Amino acid sequence: MAGSCDPPALQINLGYSLKTVKRELETLRLAGRIEFIGPSKAGTYQLVGT
């Protein structure tokens, strides 16, 4: 799925800790920039409007 990702993939690609990645994703989610799609363990984050 284009425009989607999961925290472990971002951790590897960006080189940040998993805790930092999750904190930043939560900030983006609360700002309405991304949304979480799918079940809690297997879902991904997706940009809003894509």
N, C-alpha and C. Protein backbone atom coordinates (compact mmCIF):
# COMPACT_ATOMS: atom_id res chain seq x y z
N MET A 1 0.85 -1.18 0.00
CA MET A 1 0.00 0.00 0.00
C MET A 1 0.89 1.23 0.00
N ALA A 2 0.76 2.08 -1.00
CA ALA A 2 1.57 3.30 -1.10
C ALA A 2 1.19 4.28 -0.01
N GLY A 3 2.19 4.94 0.55
CA GLY A 3 1.93 5.96 1.57
C GLY A 3 1.66 5.39 2.94
N SER A 4 2.00 4.14 3.19
CA SER A 4 1.76 3.56 4.50
C SER A 4 3.06 2.99 5.05
N CYS A 5 3.11 2.83 6.37
CA CYS A 5 4.32 2.30 7.01
C CYS A 5 3.98 1.78 8.40
N ASP A 6 4.91 1.08 8.97
CA ASP A 6 4.76 0.62 10.34
C ASP A 6 5.99 1.08 11.13
N PRO A 7 5.87 1.20 12.45
CA PRO A 7 6.96 1.73 13.25
C PRO A 7 8.29 0.98 13.10
N PRO A 8 8.33 -0.36 13.09
CA PRO A 8 9.64 -1.03 12.92
C PRO A 8 10.32 -0.69 11.59
N ALA A 9 9.55 -0.56 10.53
CA ALA A 9 10.14 -0.21 9.23
C ALA A 9 10.72 1.20 9.29
N LEU A 10 10.02 2.12 9.92
CA LEU A 10 10.54 3.49 10.06
C LEU A 10 11.80 3.50 10.92
N GLN A 11 11.80 2.71 11.97
CA GLN A 11 12.97 2.65 12.84
C GLN A 11 14.20 2.24 12.05
N ILE A 12 14.07 1.23 11.23
CA ILE A 12 15.20 0.75 10.43
C ILE A 12 15.61 1.79 9.39
N ASN A 13 14.63 2.34 8.68
CA ASN A 13 14.93 3.28 7.59
C ASN A 13 15.46 4.63 8.07
N LEU A 14 14.98 5.10 9.22
CA LEU A 14 15.39 6.42 9.71
C LEU A 14 16.53 6.36 10.72
N GLY A 15 16.73 5.23 11.34
CA GLY A 15 17.81 5.09 12.30
C GLY A 15 17.51 5.65 13.68
N TYR A 16 16.24 5.84 14.01
CA TYR A 16 15.84 6.31 15.33
C TYR A 16 15.37 5.13 16.18
N SER A 17 15.31 5.32 17.49
CA SER A 17 14.80 4.26 18.35
C SER A 17 13.31 4.06 18.11
N LEU A 18 12.82 2.87 18.41
CA LEU A 18 11.40 2.57 18.23
C LEU A 18 10.54 3.49 19.09
N LYS A 19 11.00 3.79 20.30
CA LYS A 19 10.25 4.68 21.20
C LYS A 19 10.10 6.08 20.58
N THR A 20 11.15 6.59 19.97
CA THR A 20 11.09 7.90 19.32
C THR A 20 10.14 7.87 18.14
N VAL A 21 10.22 6.82 17.34
CA VAL A 21 9.34 6.70 16.17
C VAL A 21 7.88 6.67 16.62
N LYS A 22 7.57 5.88 17.63
CA LYS A 22 6.18 5.79 18.11
C LYS A 22 5.70 7.13 18.66
N ARG A 23 6.57 7.85 19.39
CA ARG A 23 6.20 9.15 19.94
C ARG A 23 5.88 10.15 18.81
N GLU A 24 6.71 10.17 17.78
CA GLU A 24 6.49 11.10 16.67
C GLU A 24 5.24 10.71 15.86
N LEU A 25 5.01 9.41 15.69
CA LEU A 25 3.80 8.98 14.98
C LEU A 25 2.54 9.40 15.75
N GLU A 26 2.58 9.29 17.06
CA GLU A 26 1.44 9.71 17.87
C GLU A 26 1.20 11.21 17.74
N THR A 27 2.26 12.00 17.70
CA THR A 27 2.13 13.44 17.50
C THR A 27 1.48 13.74 16.15
N LEU A 28 1.91 13.05 15.10
CA LEU A 28 1.32 13.24 13.78
C LEU A 28 -0.14 12.79 13.74
N ARG A 29 -0.44 11.70 14.44
CA ARG A 29 -1.84 11.20 14.49
C ARG A 29 -2.75 12.21 15.17
N LEU A 30 -2.30 12.75 16.29
CA LEU A 30 -3.11 13.73 17.01
C LEU A 30 -3.29 15.02 16.21
N ALA A 31 -2.33 15.35 15.37
CA ALA A 31 -2.42 16.54 14.52
C ALA A 31 -3.28 16.29 13.28
N GLY A 32 -3.73 15.05 13.08
CA GLY A 32 -4.58 14.73 11.94
C GLY A 32 -3.83 14.54 10.63
N ARG A 33 -2.52 14.34 10.68
CA ARG A 33 -1.72 14.17 9.47
C ARG A 33 -1.66 12.72 9.01
N ILE A 34 -1.80 11.77 9.96
CA ILE A 34 -1.79 10.35 9.63
C ILE A 34 -2.91 9.66 10.39
N GLU A 35 -3.27 8.46 9.94
CA GLU A 35 -4.26 7.66 10.65
C GLU A 35 -3.76 6.22 10.69
N PHE A 36 -4.21 5.49 11.70
CA PHE A 36 -3.83 4.08 11.84
C PHE A 36 -4.91 3.23 11.22
N ILE A 37 -4.51 2.34 10.33
CA ILE A 37 -5.44 1.47 9.60
C ILE A 37 -5.14 0.03 9.96
N GLY A 38 -6.17 -0.73 10.33
CA GLY A 38 -6.00 -2.16 10.57
C GLY A 38 -5.97 -2.51 12.04
N PRO A 39 -5.74 -3.80 12.32
CA PRO A 39 -5.69 -4.27 13.71
C PRO A 39 -4.46 -3.72 14.43
N SER A 40 -4.52 -3.67 15.75
CA SER A 40 -3.47 -3.02 16.52
C SER A 40 -2.08 -3.62 16.32
N LYS A 41 -1.98 -4.91 16.10
CA LYS A 41 -0.66 -5.53 15.95
C LYS A 41 -0.19 -5.60 14.50
N ALA A 42 -1.09 -5.58 13.56
CA ALA A 42 -0.70 -5.77 12.16
C ALA A 42 -1.03 -4.58 11.27
N GLY A 43 -1.57 -3.51 11.85
CA GLY A 43 -1.96 -2.35 11.05
C GLY A 43 -0.78 -1.47 10.69
N THR A 44 -1.07 -0.44 9.90
CA THR A 44 -0.04 0.51 9.49
C THR A 44 -0.59 1.93 9.61
N TYR A 45 0.32 2.88 9.58
CA TYR A 45 -0.06 4.28 9.54
C TYR A 45 -0.12 4.71 8.09
N GLN A 46 -1.10 5.56 7.79
CA GLN A 46 -1.26 6.04 6.42
C GLN A 46 -1.47 7.54 6.46
N LEU A 47 -0.91 8.23 5.47
CA LEU A 47 -1.11 9.66 5.37
C LEU A 47 -2.59 9.95 5.14
N VAL A 48 -3.10 10.97 5.78
CA VAL A 48 -4.51 11.34 5.59
C VAL A 48 -4.65 11.99 4.22
N GLY A 49 -5.66 11.58 3.49
CA GLY A 49 -5.93 12.15 2.18
C GLY A 49 -5.28 11.40 1.03
N THR A 50 -4.68 10.22 1.32
CA THR A 50 -4.07 9.45 0.23
C THR A 50 -4.90 8.23 -0.07
